[in-house]
Amino acid sequence: MTETELLRKISDDLDFLKKKILEIEESLELITSELIPVKEKYLERLNEIKNEGTVSGSKFEEKFGVKL
């Protein structure tokens, strides 16, 4: 491969990479635009639930009055 051919291939590869980077950036912008911030109170409630742990079926029935 001559030096000119090598430089041409490098240039083509760089163009390809630039296009792919632009596609990725556009995808990220779409994803970011669709994200909805979570309210702090919901995060706090999730932490409370996490700290409470799991509940057995009988305790669930006692607490919520629903039979599993």
C-alpha atoms as a PDB file:
ATOM      1  CA  MET A   1       0.000   0.000   0.000  1.00  0.00           C
ATOM      2  CA  THR A   2       1.459   3.328  -1.005  1.00  0.00           C
ATOM      3  CA  GLU A   3       1.609   6.274   1.342  1.00  0.00           C
ATOM      4  CA  THR A   4      -1.136   8.022  -0.617  1.00  0.00           C
ATOM      5  CA  GLU A   5      -3.427   4.998  -0.353  1.00  0.00           C
ATOM      6  CA  LEU A   6      -2.736   4.722   3.342  1.00  0.00           C
ATOM      7  CA  LEU A   7      -3.551   8.383   3.898  1.00  0.00           C
ATOM      8  CA  ARG A   8      -6.748   7.994   1.864  1.00  0.00           C
ATOM      9  CA  LYS A   9      -7.787   5.003   3.970  1.00  0.00           C
ATOM     10  CA  ILE A  10      -7.063   6.895   7.191  1.00  0.00           C
ATOM     11  CA  SER A  11      -9.093   9.835   5.914  1.00  0.00           C
ATOM     12  CA  ASP A  12     -12.011   7.548   4.987  1.00  0.00           C
ATOM     13  CA  ASP A  13     -11.865   5.864   8.383  1.00  0.00           C
ATOM     14  CA  LEU A  14     -11.891   9.234  10.133  1.00  0.00           C
ATOM     15  CA  ASP A  15     -14.920  10.332   8.098  1.00  0.00           C
ATOM     16  CA  PHE A  16     -16.692   7.118   9.042  1.00  0.00           C
ATOM     17  CA  LEU A  17     -15.891   7.628  12.725  1.00  0.00           C
ATOM     18  CA  LYS A  18     -17.075  11.236  12.619  1.00  0.00           C
ATOM     19  CA  LYS A  19     -20.422  10.117  11.172  1.00  0.00           C
ATOM     20  CA  LYS A  20     -20.807   7.432  13.835  1.00  0.00           C
ATOM     21  CA  ILE A  21     -19.983   9.893  16.617  1.00  0.00           C
ATOM     22  CA  LEU A  22     -22.607  12.311  15.283  1.00  0.00           C
ATOM     23  CA  GLU A  23     -25.177   9.492  15.195  1.00  0.00           C
ATOM     24  CA  ILE A  24     -24.354   8.556  18.786  1.00  0.00           C
ATOM     25  CA  GLU A  25     -24.608  12.190  19.907  1.00  0.00           C
ATOM     26  CA  GLU A  26     -28.015  12.512  18.240  1.00  0.00           C
ATOM     27  CA  SER A  27     -29.202   9.335  19.937  1.00  0.00           C
ATOM     28  CA  LEU A  28     -27.990  10.586  23.299  1.00  0.00           C
ATOM     29  CA  GLU A  29     -29.787  13.894  22.794  1.00  0.00           C
ATOM     30  CA  LEU A  30     -33.028  12.028  22.031  1.00  0.00           C
ATOM     31  CA  ILE A  31     -32.642   9.848  25.103  1.00  0.00           C
ATOM     32  CA  THR A  32     -31.820  12.834  27.294  1.00  0.00           C
ATOM     33  CA  SER A  33     -34.789  14.800  25.988  1.00  0.00           C
ATOM     34  CA  GLU A  34     -37.117  11.917  26.906  1.00  0.00           C
ATOM     35  CA  LEU A  35     -35.838  11.564  30.462  1.00  0.00           C
ATOM     36  CA  ILE A  36     -38.113  12.910  33.142  1.00  0.00           C
ATOM     37  CA  PRO A  37     -36.551  13.931  36.439  1.00  0.00           C
ATOM     38  CA  VAL A  38     -37.712  11.884  39.416  1.00  0.00           C
ATOM     39  CA  LYS A  39     -39.258  13.837  42.250  1.00  0.00           C
ATOM     40  CA  GLU A  40     -37.242  13.791  45.446  1.00  0.00           C
ATOM     41  CA  LYS A  41     -40.209  12.509  47.465  1.00  0.00           C
ATOM     42  CA  TYR A  42     -40.382   9.422  45.228  1.00  0.00           C
ATOM     43  CA  LEU A  43     -36.691   8.706  45.773  1.00  0.00           C
ATOM     44  CA  GLU A  44     -37.189   9.056  49.510  1.00  0.00           C
ATOM     45  CA  ARG A  45     -40.139   6.658  49.417  1.00  0.00           C
ATOM     46  CA  LEU A  46     -38.128   4.128  47.404  1.00  0.00           C
ATOM     47  CA  ASN A  47     -35.385   4.283  50.033  1.00  0.00           C
ATOM     48  CA  GLU A  48     -37.973   3.725  52.773  1.00  0.00           C
ATOM     49  CA  ILE A  49     -39.316   0.681  50.964  1.00  0.00           C
ATOM     50  CA  LYS A  50     -35.803  -0.617  50.420  1.00  0.00           C
ATOM     51  CA  ASN A  51     -35.008  -0.222  54.127  1.00  0.00           C
ATOM     52  CA  GLU A  52     -38.234  -1.977  55.156  1.00  0.00           C
ATOM     53  CA  GLY A  53     -37.232  -5.112  53.285  1.00  0.00           C
ATOM     54  CA  THR A  54     -39.538  -7.803  51.995  1.00  0.00           C
ATOM     55  CA  VAL A  55     -42.799  -8.917  53.567  1.00  0.00           C
ATOM     56  CA  SER A  56     -44.117 -12.461  53.867  1.00  0.00           C
ATOM     57  CA  GLY A  57     -47.495 -13.337  52.379  1.00  0.00           C
ATOM     58  CA  SER A  58     -49.242 -13.489  55.757  1.00  0.00           C
ATOM     59  CA  LYS A  59     -47.819 -10.134  56.845  1.00  0.00           C
ATOM     60  CA  PHE A  60     -48.898  -8.661  53.517  1.00  0.00           C
ATOM     61  CA  GLU A  61     -52.435  -9.884  54.169  1.00  0.00           C
ATOM     62  CA  GLU A  62     -52.389  -8.360  57.666  1.00  0.00           C
ATOM     63  CA  LYS A  63     -50.994  -5.049  56.480  1.00  0.00           C
ATOM     64  CA  PHE A  64     -53.046  -4.562  53.299  1.00  0.00           C
ATOM     65  CA  GLY A  65     -56.037  -6.881  53.750  1.00  0.00           C
ATOM     66  CA  VAL A  66     -55.397  -8.560  50.402  1.00  0.00           C
ATOM     67  CA  LYS A  67     -54.923 -12.291  50.143  1.00  0.00           C
ATOM     68  CA  LEU A  68     -52.118 -13.399  47.859  1.00  0.00           C
END
